[in-house]
């Protein structure tokens, strides 16, 4: 935790130093007022955690809304400012090389550069706040001869990155449950991070999720936040919500579909265990039956590809706030959505239905996924 706090303060503090150097040019507040405000915003996420752990949830909630919304704005301001700085530099350099007056297509002073970045960031933050409250349903159709015994498509609803915590809205979760019920899935699966970090006020959320009653049940695997929140508490909440946890094991549903779950690496580090190899777990199930692999992080192990038909993952949030997706791509190069990773083997990476940190989504809308396995082949 001390390493995490040090890294967080270094990166987030550096971001705010950049904002200070930019904003001091236009803000009438004065140097020390600006420093005090930005300094408070740097430590606000840590104060939220301290207040929550101490049981002062009523104080933590408004501070979380302010601190995390500001976090989103700060990241967007940094991104827009960097783009504008490069634009100014590129145009001025081009003007000198080509001999034209670049002042006609550049901002007249640093004041306007900061002002434009601030306005764009406010607009993007507002848009992202509204976008994050939506429930977008993505439909995916996958034909397979392995369910030819079924006359109807087998319908799977995937939720991922719900991140139930301080900023969760019970009304939105109620809408999510109603939306899933209207789809009439055969199974509902959670591919991790069902919870965030705080569990002391989530009883009502567990009761809402418990109302989901698909034909063949609900199944879940751990994400990294189940480990961060406290594994025992995270597993207890997931079970209270009516999900069967799958940890290096599987269950057969519908007669020909095996759902296999793998723990997140953060859980393994917390437990300090040495689990069986993923491919060894998958080989327990017959290849003439459809094998659905639930795995939080969108990493495909080459040795496993021949032993499953579809892997469902999440974790990346689709970047959540553009252009952060460019960073997640470096760590997890698998594309968001459906991709083929082997002969008749598929990977689906879900953008997630919730948010982590800033309660906004900019150009990475939340997603509830419906996967229909259809008898036969295209």
Protein backbone atom coordinates (compact mmCIF):
# COMPACT_ATOMS: atom_id res chain seq x y z
CA UNK A 1 0.00 0.00 0.00
CA UNK A 2 2.87 2.39 0.81
CA UNK A 3 4.34 1.78 -2.66
CA UNK A 4 0.95 2.41 -4.26
CA UNK A 5 0.48 5.67 -2.33
CA UNK A 6 3.97 6.84 -3.28
CA UNK A 7 3.43 6.10 -6.96
CA UNK A 8 -0.05 7.66 -6.90
CA UNK A 9 1.14 10.86 -5.25
CA UNK A 10 4.08 11.13 -7.65
CA UNK A 11 1.98 10.75 -10.80
CA UNK A 12 -1.12 12.60 -9.62
CA UNK A 13 0.95 15.29 -7.95
CA UNK A 14 2.97 15.74 -11.15
CA UNK A 15 -0.25 16.12 -13.11
CA UNK A 16 -1.38 18.86 -10.74
CA UNK A 17 1.97 20.61 -10.96
CA UNK A 18 1.44 20.76 -14.72
CA UNK A 19 -2.08 22.17 -14.15
CA UNK A 20 -0.67 24.73 -11.70
CA UNK A 21 1.93 25.97 -14.20
CA UNK A 22 -0.83 26.35 -16.78
CA UNK A 23 -3.64 27.70 -14.59
CA UNK A 24 -1.61 30.27 -12.65
CA UNK A 25 -1.45 32.28 -15.88
CA UNK A 26 -5.19 32.89 -15.94
CA UNK A 27 -6.62 32.30 -12.46
CA UNK A 28 -7.29 35.41 -10.34
CA UNK A 29 -7.15 33.40 -7.10
CA UNK A 30 -3.50 34.00 -6.36
CA UNK A 31 -0.57 31.64 -6.03
CA UNK A 32 -1.19 30.21 -2.56
CA UNK A 33 -4.94 29.77 -2.95
CA UNK A 34 -4.31 27.85 -6.17
CA UNK A 35 -1.62 25.72 -4.52
CA UNK A 36 -3.91 24.96 -1.57
CA UNK A 37 -6.80 23.94 -3.81
CA UNK A 38 -4.70 21.73 -6.08
CA UNK A 39 -2.91 20.20 -3.09
CA UNK A 40 -6.24 19.30 -1.50
CA UNK A 41 -7.44 17.71 -4.74
CA UNK A 42 -4.26 15.59 -4.88
CA UNK A 43 -4.91 14.05 -1.46
CA UNK A 44 -8.74 13.95 -1.74
CA UNK A 45 -8.86 10.29 -2.96
CA UNK A 46 -6.68 9.24 -0.02
CA UNK A 47 -8.88 11.20 2.40
CA UNK A 48 -11.94 9.41 0.98
CA UNK A 49 -10.35 6.06 1.77
CA UNK A 50 -9.36 7.15 5.29
CA UNK A 51 -12.85 8.49 6.05
CA UNK A 52 -14.47 5.33 4.73
CA UNK A 53 -12.22 3.04 6.75
CA UNK A 54 -12.97 5.12 9.85
CA UNK A 55 -16.72 4.75 9.29
CA UNK A 56 -17.41 8.36 8.26
CA UNK A 57 -19.27 7.41 5.09
CA UNK A 58 -21.51 10.48 5.14
CA UNK A 59 -18.41 12.67 4.86
CA UNK A 60 -16.65 10.38 2.40
CA UNK A 61 -19.45 10.35 -0.20
CA UNK A 62 -19.57 14.10 -1.06
CA UNK A 63 -15.79 14.30 -0.97
CA UNK A 64 -15.63 11.31 -3.33
CA UNK A 65 -17.99 12.99 -5.80
CA UNK A 66 -15.91 16.16 -5.76
CA UNK A 67 -12.49 14.54 -5.73
CA UNK A 68 -13.12 11.90 -8.37
CA UNK A 69 -15.03 14.20 -10.71
CA UNK A 70 -12.13 16.62 -10.46
CA UNK A 71 -9.78 13.72 -11.24
CA UNK A 72 -11.59 13.17 -14.53
CA UNK A 73 -11.54 16.87 -15.33
CA UNK A 74 -7.82 17.11 -14.48
CA UNK A 75 -6.92 14.23 -16.78
CA UNK A 76 -8.97 15.72 -19.62
CA UNK A 77 -7.45 19.17 -19.06
CA UNK A 78 -3.97 17.68 -19.23
CA UNK A 79 -4.84 15.79 -22.44
CA UNK A 80 -6.40 18.79 -24.19
CA UNK A 81 -3.55 21.05 -23.07
CA UNK A 82 -0.91 18.70 -24.44
CA UNK A 83 -2.76 18.45 -27.76
CA UNK A 84 -3.08 22.24 -28.00
CA UNK A 85 0.59 22.73 -27.08
CA UNK A 86 1.70 20.35 -29.82
CA UNK A 87 -0.67 22.01 -32.27
CA UNK A 88 0.75 25.44 -31.49
CA UNK A 89 4.31 24.16 -31.77
CA UNK A 90 3.65 22.27 -35.01
CA UNK A 91 1.89 25.20 -36.73
CA UNK A 92 4.52 27.76 -35.66
CA UNK A 93 7.35 25.49 -36.82
CA UNK A 94 5.53 24.88 -40.11
CA UNK A 95 5.06 28.61 -40.57
CA UNK A 96 8.76 29.28 -40.20
CA UNK A 97 9.72 26.46 -42.57
CA UNK A 98 7.15 27.30 -45.25
CA UNK A 99 7.22 31.05 -44.81
CA UNK A 100 3.59 31.81 -43.92
CA UNK A 101 2.03 33.79 -41.10
CA UNK A 102 1.07 31.13 -38.51
CA UNK A 103 -0.62 33.68 -36.24
CA UNK A 104 -3.81 33.39 -38.29
CA UNK A 105 -4.35 29.76 -37.21
CA UNK A 106 -2.86 29.74 -33.71
CA UNK A 107 -4.17 30.98 -30.39
CA UNK A 108 -2.93 34.52 -29.68
CA UNK A 109 -1.58 33.90 -26.16
CA UNK A 110 -1.11 31.22 -23.46
CA UNK A 111 -4.23 32.63 -21.77
CA UNK A 112 -6.44 31.51 -24.65
CA UNK A 113 -4.71 28.14 -24.85
CA UNK A 114 -5.50 27.43 -21.19
CA UNK A 115 -9.03 28.82 -21.55
CA UNK A 116 -9.82 26.62 -24.55
CA UNK A 117 -8.43 23.54 -22.77
CA UNK A 118 -10.53 24.33 -19.68
CA UNK A 119 -13.73 24.83 -21.72
CA UNK A 120 -13.19 21.62 -23.68
CA UNK A 121 -12.49 19.73 -20.44
CA UNK A 122 -15.67 21.05 -18.80
CA UNK A 123 -17.73 20.02 -21.81
CA UNK A 124 -16.12 16.57 -21.95
CA UNK A 125 -16.58 16.07 -18.20
CA UNK A 126 -20.27 16.97 -18.42
CA UNK A 127 -20.79 14.71 -21.40
CA UNK A 128 -18.86 11.89 -19.74
CA UNK A 129 -20.87 12.21 -16.53
CA UNK A 130 -24.15 11.79 -18.41
CA UNK A 131 -22.74 9.01 -20.62
CA UNK A 132 -21.62 7.00 -17.59
CA UNK A 133 -25.21 6.85 -16.29
CA UNK A 134 -26.51 5.18 -19.48
CA UNK A 135 -27.06 1.45 -20.01
CA UNK A 136 -26.03 0.43 -23.52
CA UNK A 137 -26.81 -3.10 -24.64
CA UNK A 138 -24.40 -4.71 -27.10
CA UNK A 139 -25.59 -7.84 -28.95
CA UNK A 140 -23.11 -10.42 -30.21
CA UNK A 141 -24.06 -13.51 -32.24
CA UNK A 142 -21.73 -16.51 -32.39
CA UNK A 143 -22.75 -19.58 -34.43
CA UNK A 144 -21.51 -22.99 -33.27
CA UNK A 145 -22.31 -26.58 -34.15
CA UNK A 146 -21.63 -27.54 -30.54
CA UNK A 147 -25.14 -26.55 -29.49
CA UNK A 148 -27.00 -28.11 -32.41
CA UNK A 149 -29.01 -30.10 -29.87
CA UNK A 150 -30.67 -26.82 -28.92
CA UNK A 151 -33.46 -25.47 -31.07
CA UNK A 152 -33.08 -21.91 -29.77
CA UNK A 153 -30.04 -19.65 -29.27
CA UNK A 154 -28.37 -19.83 -25.88
CA UNK A 155 -28.37 -16.33 -24.40
CA UNK A 156 -25.58 -15.14 -22.08
CA UNK A 157 -25.61 -11.73 -20.41
CA UNK A 158 -22.15 -10.50 -19.38
CA UNK A 159 -21.66 -7.77 -16.82
CA UNK A 160 -18.21 -6.52 -15.95
CA UNK A 161 -16.65 -3.68 -13.95
CA UNK A 162 -19.84 -2.80 -12.09
CA UNK A 163 -17.64 -1.37 -9.30
CA UNK A 164 -20.35 -1.10 -6.68
CA UNK A 165 -19.12 1.32 -4.04
CA UNK A 166 -19.44 4.83 -2.62
CA UNK A 167 -20.62 6.47 -5.84
CA UNK A 168 -23.00 3.73 -6.95
CA UNK A 169 -26.59 4.67 -7.69
CA UNK A 170 -29.25 2.24 -6.47
CA UNK A 171 -31.73 3.55 -9.06
CA UNK A 172 -29.29 2.84 -11.88
CA UNK A 173 -28.63 -0.67 -10.56
CA UNK A 174 -32.40 -1.20 -10.47
CA UNK A 175 -32.58 -0.13 -14.14
CA UNK A 176 -29.72 -2.50 -14.94
CA UNK A 177 -31.51 -5.42 -13.28
CA UNK A 178 -34.74 -4.59 -15.14
CA UNK A 179 -32.86 -4.40 -18.44
CA UNK A 180 -31.25 -7.81 -17.87
CA UNK A 181 -34.59 -9.35 -16.90
CA UNK A 182 -36.18 -7.99 -20.09
CA UNK A 183 -33.51 -9.78 -22.17
CA UNK A 184 -34.49 -13.11 -20.59
CA UNK A 185 -31.00 -14.62 -20.49
CA UNK A 186 -30.21 -18.28 -19.97
CA UNK A 187 -27.26 -17.34 -17.76
CA UNK A 188 -25.77 -14.16 -16.32
CA UNK A 189 -22.01 -13.98 -15.82
CA UNK A 190 -19.84 -11.41 -14.04
CA UNK A 191 -16.27 -11.19 -15.25
CA UNK A 192 -14.88 -9.45 -12.19
CA UNK A 193 -14.86 -6.15 -10.29
CA UNK A 194 -18.47 -6.53 -9.25
CA UNK A 195 -17.50 -4.40 -6.26
CA UNK A 196 -15.08 -1.52 -5.82
CA UNK A 197 -13.36 -0.93 -2.47
CA UNK A 198 -16.08 -0.09 0.07
CA UNK A 199 -18.58 -2.74 1.16
CA UNK A 200 -20.09 -1.39 4.35
CA UNK A 201 -23.25 0.05 2.75
CA UNK A 202 -23.94 -2.35 -0.12
CA UNK A 203 -26.61 -4.61 1.40
CA UNK A 204 -29.34 -3.12 -0.79
CA UNK A 205 -27.25 -3.66 -3.91
CA UNK A 206 -26.80 -7.36 -3.12
CA UNK A 207 -30.56 -7.71 -2.64
CA UNK A 208 -31.22 -6.08 -6.03
CA UNK A 209 -28.81 -8.42 -7.83
CA UNK A 210 -30.32 -11.38 -6.00
CA UNK A 211 -33.60 -10.72 -7.83
CA UNK A 212 -31.95 -11.76 -11.11
CA UNK A 213 -33.03 -15.33 -11.73
CA UNK A 214 -31.93 -16.56 -15.18
CA UNK A 215 -32.85 -20.05 -16.34
CA UNK A 216 -29.50 -21.73 -15.64
CA UNK A 217 -28.13 -19.44 -12.93
CA UNK A 218 -25.53 -16.73 -12.35
CA UNK A 219 -21.77 -17.25 -12.31
CA UNK A 220 -18.84 -15.00 -11.47
CA UNK A 221 -15.07 -14.83 -11.32
CA UNK A 222 -12.89 -12.57 -9.24
CA UNK A 223 -11.38 -9.33 -10.49
CA UNK A 224 -8.56 -7.34 -8.99
CA UNK A 225 -10.98 -5.21 -6.94
CA UNK A 226 -12.40 -8.23 -5.16
CA UNK A 227 -8.87 -8.68 -3.84
CA UNK A 228 -8.42 -4.98 -3.01
CA UNK A 229 -11.71 -4.78 -1.10
CA UNK A 230 -10.82 -7.78 1.04
CA UNK A 231 -11.25 -11.16 -0.59
CA UNK A 232 -13.45 -12.74 2.08
CA UNK A 233 -15.84 -9.77 2.07
CA UNK A 234 -15.82 -9.61 -1.73
CA UNK A 235 -16.66 -13.29 -2.11
CA UNK A 236 -19.37 -13.04 0.55
CA UNK A 237 -21.03 -10.11 -1.25
CA UNK A 238 -20.89 -11.93 -4.60
CA UNK A 239 -22.50 -15.03 -3.10
CA UNK A 240 -25.13 -12.93 -1.33
CA UNK A 241 -25.99 -11.44 -4.72
CA UNK A 242 -26.76 -14.97 -5.94
CA UNK A 243 -23.65 -15.66 -8.04
CA UNK A 244 -21.79 -18.96 -7.94
CA UNK A 245 -18.06 -18.25 -7.81
CA UNK A 246 -15.94 -20.26 -10.24
CA UNK A 247 -12.32 -20.62 -9.14
CA UNK A 248 -10.35 -22.94 -11.44
CA UNK A 249 -13.49 -24.98 -11.87
CA UNK A 250 -16.46 -25.23 -14.17
CA UNK A 251 -20.12 -26.12 -14.31
CA UNK A 252 -22.19 -27.62 -17.11
CA UNK A 253 -25.43 -25.87 -18.04
CA UNK A 254 -27.97 -26.60 -20.74
CA UNK A 255 -26.51 -30.04 -21.28
CA UNK A 256 -23.70 -28.99 -23.66
CA UNK A 257 -22.20 -25.73 -22.34
CA UNK A 258 -19.40 -25.70 -19.78
CA UNK A 259 -18.66 -22.42 -17.97
CA UNK A 260 -15.15 -22.33 -16.53
CA UNK A 261 -13.77 -19.59 -14.28
CA UNK A 262 -10.19 -18.47 -13.57
CA UNK A 263 -9.12 -16.26 -10.65
CA UNK A 264 -7.55 -12.86 -11.21
CA UNK A 265 -3.78 -12.61 -10.60
CA UNK A 266 -4.40 -10.05 -7.81
CA UNK A 267 -6.31 -12.75 -5.91
CA UNK A 268 -3.48 -15.22 -6.35
CA UNK A 269 -0.98 -12.68 -5.01
CA UNK A 270 -3.22 -12.02 -2.01
CA UNK A 271 -3.67 -15.74 -1.26
CA UNK A 272 -0.07 -16.63 -2.16
CA UNK A 273 -1.27 -19.81 -3.82
CA UNK A 274 0.04 -21.86 -6.73
CA UNK A 275 -3.05 -22.73 -8.82
CA UNK A 276 -3.23 -25.30 -11.61
CA UNK A 277 -2.38 -24.17 -15.13
CA UNK A 278 -5.31 -22.67 -16.99
CA UNK A 279 -4.98 -25.13 -19.88
CA UNK A 280 -4.96 -28.06 -17.43
CA UNK A 281 -8.26 -26.87 -15.95
CA UNK A 282 -9.83 -26.48 -19.41
CA UNK A 283 -8.76 -29.96 -20.49
CA UNK A 284 -11.11 -31.46 -17.90
CA UNK A 285 -14.05 -30.68 -20.18
CA UNK A 286 -14.93 -32.46 -23.43
CA UNK A 287 -14.06 -30.57 -26.61
CA UNK A 288 -17.26 -31.65 -28.34
CA UNK A 289 -19.12 -29.43 -25.88
CA UNK A 290 -19.01 -25.63 -25.87
CA UNK A 291 -16.51 -24.26 -23.34
CA UNK A 292 -17.01 -20.71 -22.10
CA UNK A 293 -14.01 -19.28 -20.22
CA UNK A 294 -14.57 -16.44 -17.74
CA UNK A 295 -11.43 -14.48 -17.02
CA UNK A 296 -11.19 -10.92 -15.74
CA UNK A 297 -8.14 -9.71 -17.67
CA UNK A 298 -8.18 -9.93 -21.48
CA UNK A 299 -5.05 -12.00 -21.82
CA UNK A 300 -5.22 -15.11 -23.96
CA UNK A 301 -2.78 -17.88 -23.11
CA UNK A 302 -1.67 -19.56 -26.36
CA UNK A 303 -1.57 -23.00 -24.72
CA UNK A 304 -5.25 -22.64 -23.75
CA UNK A 305 -6.68 -21.55 -27.12
CA UNK A 306 -7.38 -25.06 -28.39
CA UNK A 307 -9.31 -25.93 -25.23
CA UNK A 308 -12.03 -23.25 -25.15
CA UNK A 309 -14.50 -21.71 -27.60
CA UNK A 310 -15.16 -18.26 -26.13
CA UNK A 311 -13.35 -16.20 -23.50
CA UNK A 312 -15.23 -13.35 -21.83
CA UNK A 313 -13.13 -10.66 -20.17
CA UNK A 314 -13.24 -7.04 -19.03
CA UNK A 315 -10.83 -5.05 -16.85
CA UNK A 316 -9.79 -2.34 -19.33
CA UNK A 317 -13.02 -0.25 -19.21
CA UNK A 318 -12.31 0.50 -22.87
CA UNK A 319 -10.03 3.19 -21.46
CA UNK A 320 -13.02 4.85 -19.70
CA UNK A 321 -11.71 8.34 -20.49
CA UNK A 322 -10.22 8.93 -23.93
CA UNK A 323 -7.28 9.02 -24.64
CA UNK A 324 -6.49 6.72 -21.68
CA UNK A 325 -7.42 3.80 -23.93
CA UNK A 326 -4.07 4.36 -25.68
CA UNK A 327 -2.37 3.48 -22.38
CA UNK A 328 -4.48 0.39 -21.73
CA UNK A 329 -3.71 -0.80 -25.27
CA UNK A 330 -0.03 -0.96 -24.38
CA UNK A 331 -0.74 -3.37 -21.52
CA UNK A 332 -3.71 -5.24 -23.03
CA UNK A 333 -3.46 -5.12 -26.84
CA UNK A 334 -6.61 -7.20 -27.39
CA UNK A 335 -9.24 -5.04 -29.05
CA UNK A 336 -12.44 -4.12 -27.27
CA UNK A 337 -15.36 -6.22 -28.47
CA UNK A 338 -15.21 -9.48 -30.38
CA UNK A 339 -12.05 -10.86 -31.94
CA UNK A 340 -10.97 -14.25 -33.20
CA UNK A 341 -7.98 -15.73 -31.39
CA UNK A 342 -7.90 -19.20 -32.95
CA UNK A 343 -9.76 -21.47 -35.31
CA UNK A 344 -13.37 -21.11 -34.15
CA UNK A 345 -12.10 -19.60 -30.88
CA UNK A 346 -13.23 -16.15 -29.79
CA UNK A 347 -12.44 -13.45 -27.27
CA UNK A 348 -14.89 -10.79 -26.17
CA UNK A 349 -13.59 -7.81 -24.17
CA UNK A 350 -16.34 -5.91 -22.38
CA UNK A 351 -15.98 -2.13 -21.80
CA UNK A 352 -17.68 -2.50 -18.43
CA UNK A 353 -20.93 -1.12 -17.10
CA UNK A 354 -19.56 0.95 -14.21
CA UNK A 355 -16.72 3.37 -13.54
CA UNK A 356 -13.59 3.33 -11.43
CA UNK A 357 -12.28 6.57 -9.97
CA UNK A 358 -13.86 9.41 -11.97
CA UNK A 359 -17.64 8.83 -12.35
CA UNK A 360 -17.42 9.69 -16.04
CA UNK A 361 -16.92 7.90 -19.35
CA UNK A 362 -15.65 9.89 -22.31
CA UNK A 363 -15.77 8.11 -25.69
CA UNK A 364 -15.92 4.75 -23.90
CA UNK A 365 -19.63 4.20 -23.18
CA UNK A 366 -20.74 1.66 -20.55
CA UNK A 367 -21.72 -1.73 -21.86
CA UNK A 368 -24.05 -4.58 -20.99
CA UNK A 369 -23.30 -7.46 -23.35
CA UNK A 370 -25.67 -10.11 -24.68
CA UNK A 371 -23.95 -13.06 -26.35
CA UNK A 372 -26.18 -15.37 -28.32
CA UNK A 373 -24.75 -18.78 -29.15
CA UNK A 374 -26.66 -19.94 -32.20
CA UNK A 375 -26.93 -23.55 -33.44
CA UNK A 376 -25.15 -24.25 -36.73
CA UNK A 377 -22.53 -22.36 -38.71
CA UNK A 378 -22.65 -19.26 -40.91
